[in-house]
Each structure stands twice: as structure tokens, then as C-alpha cells.
Amino acid sequence: MKIKIGAYEAKTKLPMILRNVKGGQSYTITNRGEEVAELTPSLNINKKNKDLAVEKIKALMLDNPVKGVNIKDIISEGRP
């Protein structure tokens, strides 16, 4: 969902808006009621967030390995 925001308000609240954009929020910036710009998250930000999540999961798996569980048994339990 895009939020409409006036140019003056966007200027005065830019740090907050950028934090929100980094979190995935999009904005439409208006000037005297006319839409003039779109502010959306960069594709690189999303990739960095995904890469960071993968690294955290890998680290968690290394720090807390699952022991005494047979993966093939778990998979077969879920099959009819």
C-alpha cells in the first residue's frame, strides 16, 4: 500500500520515511495535490535482507544442530 504525502511533509520527515521505505513501505509524493514521485524500496535492500536472513538461519543451524532425528522418517510421516 502506498501512502500519499506532500512534498513539504516528506522533506521534514525524510529520515522517518526512509526507515519506513527500508522496511518495505512505499510513498507517493505530491506537490499541490498532484502526484510527482514514487518512493519505493530498492531491490537491493530486499536482497540484502534475504541474504542476511539466510546467514542467520545457517548460523543458528550450526550453533544448535538437530540431533537424534532421522529426516527421512519425518518426511515419510507427512506422506499419505
PDB file of N, CA and C in Angstrom:
ATOM      1  N   MET A   1       0.838  -1.176   0.000  1.00  0.00           N
ATOM      2  CA  MET A   1       0.000   0.000   0.000  1.00  0.00           C
ATOM      3  C   MET A   1       0.886   1.244   0.000  1.00  0.00           C
ATOM      4  N   LYS A   2       0.582   2.159  -0.882  1.00  0.00           N
ATOM      5  CA  LYS A   2       1.344   3.403  -0.956  1.00  0.00           C
ATOM      6  C   LYS A   2       0.645   4.465  -0.124  1.00  0.00           C
ATOM      7  N   ILE A   3       1.461   5.258   0.535  1.00  0.00           N
ATOM      8  CA  ILE A   3       0.954   6.370   1.330  1.00  0.00           C
ATOM      9  C   ILE A   3       1.219   7.651   0.553  1.00  0.00           C
ATOM     10  N   LYS A   4       0.202   8.509   0.428  1.00  0.00           N
ATOM     11  CA  LYS A   4       0.392   9.801  -0.218  1.00  0.00           C
ATOM     12  C   LYS A   4       0.889  10.786   0.832  1.00  0.00           C
ATOM     13  N   ILE A   5       1.901  11.557   0.433  1.00  0.00           N
ATOM     14  CA  ILE A   5       2.479  12.538   1.353  1.00  0.00           C
ATOM     15  C   ILE A   5       2.888  13.771   0.547  1.00  0.00           C
ATOM     16  N   GLY A   6       2.637  14.934   1.103  1.00  0.00           N
ATOM     17  CA  GLY A   6       3.011  16.175   0.438  1.00  0.00           C
ATOM     18  C   GLY A   6       4.523  16.375   0.444  1.00  0.00           C
ATOM     19  N   ALA A   7       5.007  17.152  -0.510  1.00  0.00           N
ATOM     20  CA  ALA A   7       6.445  17.379  -0.651  1.00  0.00           C
ATOM     21  C   ALA A   7       7.040  18.022   0.609  1.00  0.00           C
ATOM     22  N   TYR A   8       6.353  18.994   1.182  1.00  0.00           N
ATOM     23  CA  TYR A   8       6.875  19.660   2.375  1.00  0.00           C
ATOM     24  C   TYR A   8       6.967  18.685   3.541  1.00  0.00           C
ATOM     25  N   GLU A   9       5.924  17.891   3.745  1.00  0.00           N
ATOM     26  CA  GLU A   9       5.937  16.918   4.835  1.00  0.00           C
ATOM     27  C   GLU A   9       7.011  15.861   4.595  1.00  0.00           C
ATOM     28  N   ALA A  10       7.178  15.451   3.344  1.00  0.00           N
ATOM     29  CA  ALA A  10       8.215  14.472   3.006  1.00  0.00           C
ATOM     30  C   ALA A  10       9.598  15.031   3.340  1.00  0.00           C
ATOM     31  N   LYS A  11       9.790  16.315   3.056  1.00  0.00           N
ATOM     32  CA  LYS A  11      11.080  16.950   3.353  1.00  0.00           C
ATOM     33  C   LYS A  11      11.343  16.980   4.852  1.00  0.00           C
ATOM     34  N   THR A  12      10.323  17.318   5.624  1.00  0.00           N
ATOM     35  CA  THR A  12      10.527  17.460   7.067  1.00  0.00           C
ATOM     36  C   THR A  12      10.616  16.118   7.778  1.00  0.00           C
ATOM     37  N   LYS A  13      10.050  15.079   7.178  1.00  0.00           N
ATOM     38  CA  LYS A  13      10.052  13.752   7.820  1.00  0.00           C
ATOM     39  C   LYS A  13      10.895  12.731   7.060  1.00  0.00           C
ATOM     40  N   LEU A  14      11.845  13.198   6.271  1.00  0.00           N
ATOM     41  CA  LEU A  14      12.622  12.308   5.406  1.00  0.00           C
ATOM     42  C   LEU A  14      13.292  11.152   6.152  1.00  0.00           C
ATOM     43  N   PRO A  15      13.968  11.365   7.295  1.00  0.00           N
ATOM     44  CA  PRO A  15      14.598  10.216   7.969  1.00  0.00           C
ATOM     45  C   PRO A  15      13.589   9.113   8.338  1.00  0.00           C
ATOM     46  N   MET A  16      12.425   9.503   8.839  1.00  0.00           N
ATOM     47  CA  MET A  16      11.400   8.525   9.200  1.00  0.00           C
ATOM     48  C   MET A  16      10.883   7.809   7.946  1.00  0.00           C
ATOM     49  N   ILE A  17      10.665   8.568   6.894  1.00  0.00           N
ATOM     50  CA  ILE A  17      10.168   7.983   5.650  1.00  0.00           C
ATOM     51  C   ILE A  17      11.170   6.977   5.096  1.00  0.00           C
ATOM     52  N   LEU A  18      12.448   7.309   5.122  1.00  0.00           N
ATOM     53  CA  LEU A  18      13.467   6.390   4.615  1.00  0.00           C
ATOM     54  C   LEU A  18      13.525   5.105   5.435  1.00  0.00           C
ATOM     55  N   ARG A  19      13.356   5.207   6.756  1.00  0.00           N
ATOM     56  CA  ARG A  19      13.307   3.993   7.590  1.00  0.00           C
ATOM     57  C   ARG A  19      12.119   3.126   7.179  1.00  0.00           C
ATOM     58  N   ASN A  20      10.982   3.772   6.943  1.00  0.00           N
ATOM     59  CA  ASN A  20       9.790   3.028   6.536  1.00  0.00           C
ATOM     60  C   ASN A  20       9.962   2.385   5.162  1.00  0.00           C
ATOM     61  N   VAL A  21      10.591   3.097   4.249  1.00  0.00           N
ATOM     62  CA  VAL A  21      10.843   2.557   2.912  1.00  0.00           C
ATOM     63  C   VAL A  21      11.784   1.362   3.018  1.00  0.00           C
ATOM     64  N   LYS A  22      12.788   1.463   3.862  1.00  0.00           N
ATOM     65  CA  LYS A  22      13.702   0.346   4.057  1.00  0.00           C
ATOM     66  C   LYS A  22      12.949  -0.869   4.585  1.00  0.00           C
ATOM     67  N   GLY A  23      11.903  -0.622   5.359  1.00  0.00           N
ATOM     68  CA  GLY A  23      11.077  -1.698   5.891  1.00  0.00           C
ATOM     69  C   GLY A  23      10.033  -2.214   4.909  1.00  0.00           C
ATOM     70  N   GLY A  24       9.947  -1.629   3.717  1.00  0.00           N
ATOM     71  CA  GLY A  24       9.044  -2.130   2.692  1.00  0.00           C
ATOM     72  C   GLY A  24       7.896  -1.211   2.313  1.00  0.00           C
ATOM     73  N   GLN A  25       7.738  -0.097   3.011  1.00  0.00           N
ATOM     74  CA  GLN A  25       6.641   0.837   2.730  1.00  0.00           C
ATOM     75  C   GLN A  25       6.949   1.651   1.475  1.00  0.00           C
ATOM     76  N   SER A  26       5.925   1.981   0.699  1.00  0.00           N
ATOM     77  CA  SER A  26       6.071   2.837  -0.483  1.00  0.00           C
ATOM     78  C   SER A  26       5.293   4.133  -0.277  1.00  0.00           C
ATOM     79  N   TYR A  27       5.772   5.206  -0.898  1.00  0.00           N
ATOM     80  CA  TYR A  27       5.139   6.520  -0.784  1.00  0.00           C
ATOM     81  C   TYR A  27       4.924   7.127  -2.161  1.00  0.00           C
ATOM     82  N   THR A  28       3.837   7.875  -2.283  1.00  0.00           N
ATOM     83  CA  THR A  28       3.615   8.734  -3.439  1.00  0.00           C
ATOM     84  C   THR A  28       3.755  10.163  -2.926  1.00  0.00           C
ATOM     85  N   ILE A  29       4.676  10.912  -3.511  1.00  0.00           N
ATOM     86  CA  ILE A  29       4.921  12.289  -3.083  1.00  0.00           C
ATOM     87  C   ILE A  29       4.148  13.218  -4.007  1.00  0.00           C
ATOM     88  N   THR A  30       3.421  14.140  -3.375  1.00  0.00           N
ATOM     89  CA  THR A  30       2.596  15.078  -4.145  1.00  0.00           C
ATOM     90  C   THR A  30       3.104  16.504  -3.969  1.00  0.00           C
ATOM     91  N   ASN A  31       2.788  17.327  -4.966  1.00  0.00           N
ATOM     92  CA  ASN A  31       3.085  18.752  -4.902  1.00  0.00           C
ATOM     93  C   ASN A  31       1.806  19.485  -5.289  1.00  0.00           C
ATOM     94  N   ARG A  32       1.218  20.169  -4.316  1.00  0.00           N
ATOM     95  CA  ARG A  32      -0.057  20.854  -4.510  1.00  0.00           C
ATOM     96  C   ARG A  32      -1.142  19.901  -5.005  1.00  0.00           C
ATOM     97  N   GLY A  33      -1.128  18.687  -4.421  1.00  0.00           N
ATOM     98  CA  GLY A  33      -2.147  17.694  -4.742  1.00  0.00           C
ATOM     99  C   GLY A  33      -1.868  16.851  -5.980  1.00  0.00           C
ATOM    100  N   GLU A  34      -0.839  17.206  -6.738  1.00  0.00           N
ATOM    101  CA  GLU A  34      -0.501  16.457  -7.947  1.00  0.00           C
ATOM    102  C   GLU A  34       0.613  15.457  -7.637  1.00  0.00           C
ATOM    103  N   GLU A  35       0.413  14.205  -8.021  1.00  0.00           N
ATOM    104  CA  GLU A  35       1.427  13.178  -7.803  1.00  0.00           C
ATOM    105  C   GLU A  35       2.638  13.473  -8.674  1.00  0.00           C
ATOM    106  N   VAL A  36       3.816  13.547  -8.027  1.00  0.00           N
ATOM    107  CA  VAL A  36       5.023  13.889  -8.781  1.00  0.00           C
ATOM    108  C   VAL A  36       6.128  12.841  -8.664  1.00  0.00           C
ATOM    109  N   ALA A  37       6.065  11.961  -7.656  1.00  0.00           N
ATOM    110  CA  ALA A  37       7.142  10.992  -7.487  1.00  0.00           C
ATOM    111  C   ALA A  37       6.659   9.783  -6.693  1.00  0.00           C
ATOM    112  N   GLU A  38       7.344   8.666  -6.922  1.00  0.00           N
ATOM    113  CA  GLU A  38       7.113   7.439  -6.169  1.00  0.00           C
ATOM    114  C   GLU A  38       8.401   7.112  -5.422  1.00  0.00           C
ATOM    115  N   LEU A  39       8.273   6.800  -4.160  1.00  0.00           N
ATOM    116  CA  LEU A  39       9.425   6.399  -3.347  1.00  0.00           C
ATOM    117  C   LEU A  39       9.166   4.973  -2.907  1.00  0.00           C
ATOM    118  N   THR A  40       9.957   4.033  -3.448  1.00  0.00           N
ATOM    119  CA  THR A  40       9.752   2.610  -3.171  1.00  0.00           C
ATOM    120  C   THR A  40      11.062   1.975  -2.731  1.00  0.00           C
ATOM    121  N   PRO A  41      10.983   0.836  -2.040  1.00  0.00           N
ATOM    122  CA  PRO A  41      12.208   0.167  -1.598  1.00  0.00           C
ATOM    123  C   PRO A  41      13.062  -0.269  -2.786  1.00  0.00           C
ATOM    124  N   SER A  42      14.353  -0.168  -2.615  1.00  0.00           N
ATOM    125  CA  SER A  42      15.294  -0.629  -3.628  1.00  0.00           C
ATOM    126  C   SER A  42      15.287  -2.150  -3.657  1.00  0.00           C
ATOM    127  N   LEU A  43      15.438  -2.730  -4.835  1.00  0.00           N
ATOM    128  CA  LEU A  43      15.501  -4.190  -4.940  1.00  0.00           C
ATOM    129  C   LEU A  43      16.715  -4.736  -4.201  1.00  0.00           C
ATOM    130  N   ASN A  44      17.787  -3.958  -4.145  1.00  0.00           N
ATOM    131  CA  ASN A  44      18.989  -4.404  -3.450  1.00  0.00           C
ATOM    132  C   ASN A  44      18.755  -4.542  -1.954  1.00  0.00           C
ATOM    133  N   ILE A  45      17.928  -3.687  -1.370  1.00  0.00           N
ATOM    134  CA  ILE A  45      17.626  -3.766   0.057  1.00  0.00           C
ATOM    135  C   ILE A  45      16.968  -5.096   0.362  1.00  0.00           C
ATOM    136  N   ASN A  46      15.985  -5.483  -0.457  1.00  0.00           N
ATOM    137  CA  ASN A  46      15.302  -6.753  -0.226  1.00  0.00           C
ATOM    138  C   ASN A  46      16.259  -7.928  -0.345  1.00  0.00           C
ATOM    139  N   LYS A  47      17.165  -7.882  -1.306  1.00  0.00           N
ATOM    140  CA  LYS A  47      18.133  -8.965  -1.475  1.00  0.00           C
ATOM    141  C   LYS A  47      19.060  -9.028  -0.273  1.00  0.00           C
ATOM    142  N   LYS A  48      19.507  -7.865   0.219  1.00  0.00           N
ATOM    143  CA  LYS A  48      20.381  -7.852   1.387  1.00  0.00           C
ATOM    144  C   LYS A  48      19.663  -8.428   2.597  1.00  0.00           C
ATOM    145  N   ASN A  49      18.386  -8.078   2.778  1.00  0.00           N
ATOM    146  CA  ASN A  49      17.616  -8.600   3.905  1.00  0.00           C
ATOM    147  C   ASN A  49      17.470 -10.112   3.809  1.00  0.00           C
ATOM    148  N   LYS A  50      17.220 -10.628   2.604  1.00  0.00           N
ATOM    149  CA  LYS A  50      17.085 -12.069   2.407  1.00  0.00           C
ATOM    150  C   LYS A  50      18.411 -12.766   2.666  1.00  0.00           C
ATOM    151  N   ASP A  51      19.490 -12.189   2.140  1.00  0.00           N
ATOM    152  CA  ASP A  51      20.810 -12.785   2.357  1.00  0.00           C
ATOM    153  C   ASP A  51      21.157 -12.811   3.838  1.00  0.00           C
ATOM    154  N   LEU A  52      20.839 -11.749   4.554  1.00  0.00           N
ATOM    155  CA  LEU A  52      21.101 -11.690   5.987  1.00  0.00           C
ATOM    156  C   LEU A  52      20.283 -12.750   6.721  1.00  0.00           C
ATOM    157  N   ALA A  53      19.026 -12.924   6.326  1.00  0.00           N
ATOM    158  CA  ALA A  53      18.168 -13.933   6.959  1.00  0.00           C
ATOM    159  C   ALA A  53      18.734 -15.334   6.741  1.00  0.00           C
ATOM    160  N   VAL A  54      19.199 -15.614   5.540  1.00  0.00           N
ATOM    161  CA  VAL A  54      19.779 -16.922   5.246  1.00  0.00           C
ATOM    162  C   VAL A  54      21.025 -17.152   6.104  1.00  0.00           C
ATOM    163  N   GLU A  55      21.865 -16.143   6.217  1.00  0.00           N
ATOM    164  CA  GLU A  55      23.078 -16.278   7.033  1.00  0.00           C
ATOM    165  C   GLU A  55      22.733 -16.527   8.499  1.00  0.00           C
ATOM    166  N   LYS A  56      21.704 -15.854   9.005  1.00  0.00           N
ATOM    167  CA  LYS A  56      21.290 -16.058  10.390  1.00  0.00           C
ATOM    168  C   LYS A  56      20.765 -17.471  10.613  1.00  0.00           C
ATOM    169  N   ILE A  57      20.010 -17.981   9.651  1.00  0.00           N
ATOM    170  CA  ILE A  57      19.482 -19.345   9.762  1.00  0.00           C
ATOM    171  C   ILE A  57      20.624 -20.350   9.737  1.00  0.00           C
ATOM    172  N   LYS A  58      21.587 -20.148   8.839  1.00  0.00           N
ATOM    173  CA  LYS A  58      22.738 -21.055   8.775  1.00  0.00           C
ATOM    174  C   LYS A  58      23.513 -21.042  10.091  1.00  0.00           C
ATOM    175  N   ALA A  59      23.717 -19.854  10.657  1.00  0.00           N
ATOM    176  CA  ALA A  59      24.439 -19.750  11.926  1.00  0.00           C
ATOM    177  C   ALA A  59      23.666 -20.443  13.038  1.00  0.00           C
ATOM    178  N   LEU A  60      22.349 -20.290  13.056  1.00  0.00           N
ATOM    179  CA  LEU A  60      21.520 -20.947  14.061  1.00  0.00           C
ATOM    180  C   LEU A  60      21.632 -22.458  13.942  1.00  0.00           C
ATOM    181  N   MET A  61      21.609 -22.950  12.714  1.00  0.00           N
ATOM    182  CA  MET A  61      21.708 -24.395  12.497  1.00  0.00           C
ATOM    183  C   MET A  61      23.067 -24.931  12.950  1.00  0.00           C
ATOM    184  N   LEU A  62      24.119 -24.161  12.744  1.00  0.00           N
ATOM    185  CA  LEU A  62      25.446 -24.596  13.185  1.00  0.00           C
ATOM    186  C   LEU A  62      25.577 -24.556  14.706  1.00  0.00           C
ATOM    187  N   ASP A  63      24.985 -23.540  15.325  1.00  0.00           N
ATOM    188  CA  ASP A  63      25.064 -23.399  16.778  1.00  0.00           C
ATOM    189  C   ASP A  63      24.178 -24.394  17.519  1.00  0.00           C
ATOM    190  N   ASN A  64      23.051 -24.772  16.914  1.00  0.00           N
ATOM    191  CA  ASN A  64      22.079 -25.659  17.562  1.00  0.00           C
ATOM    192  C   ASN A  64      21.672 -26.781  16.616  1.00  0.00           C
ATOM    193  N   PRO A  65      22.579 -27.713  16.337  1.00  0.00           N
ATOM    194  CA  PRO A  65      22.233 -28.775  15.395  1.00  0.00           C
ATOM    195  C   PRO A  65      21.150 -29.688  15.970  1.00  0.00           C
ATOM    196  N   VAL A  66      20.302 -30.201  15.090  1.00  0.00           N
ATOM    197  CA  VAL A  66      19.255 -31.144  15.483  1.00  0.00           C
ATOM    198  C   VAL A  66      19.905 -32.523  15.571  1.00  0.00           C
ATOM    199  N   LYS A  67      19.749 -33.160  16.731  1.00  0.00           N
ATOM    200  CA  LYS A  67      20.375 -34.469  16.940  1.00  0.00           C
ATOM    201  C   LYS A  67      19.303 -35.511  17.221  1.00  0.00           C
ATOM    202  N   GLY A  68      19.575 -36.746  16.813  1.00  0.00           N
ATOM    203  CA  GLY A  68      18.680 -37.851  17.113  1.00  0.00           C
ATOM    204  C   GLY A  68      17.411 -37.865  16.297  1.00  0.00           C
ATOM    205  N   VAL A  69      17.409 -37.175  15.155  1.00  0.00           N
ATOM    206  CA  VAL A  69      16.220 -37.136  14.310  1.00  0.00           C
ATOM    207  C   VAL A  69      16.608 -37.632  12.928  1.00  0.00           C
ATOM    208  N   ASN A  70      15.795 -38.543  12.395  1.00  0.00           N
ATOM    209  CA  ASN A  70      16.023 -39.048  11.050  1.00  0.00           C
ATOM    210  C   ASN A  70      15.111 -38.277  10.101  1.00  0.00           C
ATOM    211  N   ILE A  71      15.699 -37.464   9.251  1.00  0.00           N
ATOM    212  CA  ILE A  71      14.944 -36.608   8.345  1.00  0.00           C
ATOM    213  C   ILE A  71      14.056 -37.438   7.418  1.00  0.00           C
ATOM    214  N   LYS A  72      14.550 -38.591   6.931  1.00  0.00           N
ATOM    215  CA  LYS A  72      13.760 -39.432   6.032  1.00  0.00           C
ATOM    216  C   LYS A  72      12.491 -39.916   6.730  1.00  0.00           C
ATOM    217  N   ASP A  73      12.568 -40.231   8.015  1.00  0.00           N
ATOM    218  CA  ASP A  73      11.385 -40.654   8.762  1.00  0.00           C
ATOM    219  C   ASP A  73      10.376 -39.525   8.883  1.00  0.00           C
ATOM    220  N   ILE A  74      10.853 -38.318   9.129  1.00  0.00           N
ATOM    221  CA  ILE A  74       9.970 -37.171   9.252  1.00  0.00           C
ATOM    222  C   ILE A  74       9.269 -36.900   7.917  1.00  0.00           C
ATOM    223  N   ILE A  75      10.016 -36.984   6.833  1.00  0.00           N
ATOM    224  CA  ILE A  75       9.441 -36.744   5.509  1.00  0.00           C
ATOM    225  C   ILE A  75       8.381 -37.792   5.200  1.00  0.00           C
ATOM    226  N   SER A  76       8.703 -39.057   5.481  1.00  0.00           N
ATOM    227  CA  SER A  76       7.735 -40.125   5.173  1.00  0.00           C
ATOM    228  C   SER A  76       6.486 -40.039   6.038  1.00  0.00           C
ATOM    229  N   GLU A  77       6.581 -39.490   7.245  1.00  0.00           N
ATOM    230  CA  GLU A  77       5.399 -39.316   8.095  1.00  0.00           C
ATOM    231  C   GLU A  77       4.391 -38.378   7.459  1.00  0.00           C
ATOM    232  N   GLY A  78       4.855 -37.419   6.718  1.00  0.00           N
ATOM    233  CA  GLY A  78       3.985 -36.438   6.097  1.00  0.00           C
ATOM    234  C   GLY A  78       3.363 -36.901   4.801  1.00  0.00           C
ATOM    235  N   ARG A  79       3.769 -38.066   4.318  1.00  0.00           N
ATOM    236  CA  ARG A  79       3.241 -38.573   3.052  1.00  0.00           C
ATOM    237  C   ARG A  79       2.109 -39.562   3.300  1.00  0.00           C
ATOM    238  N   PRO A  80       1.068 -39.511   2.452  1.00  0.00           N
ATOM    239  CA  PRO A  80      -0.055 -40.455   2.604  1.00  0.00           C
ATOM    240  C   PRO A  80       0.287 -41.845   2.115  1.00  0.00           C
TER     241      PRO A  80
END
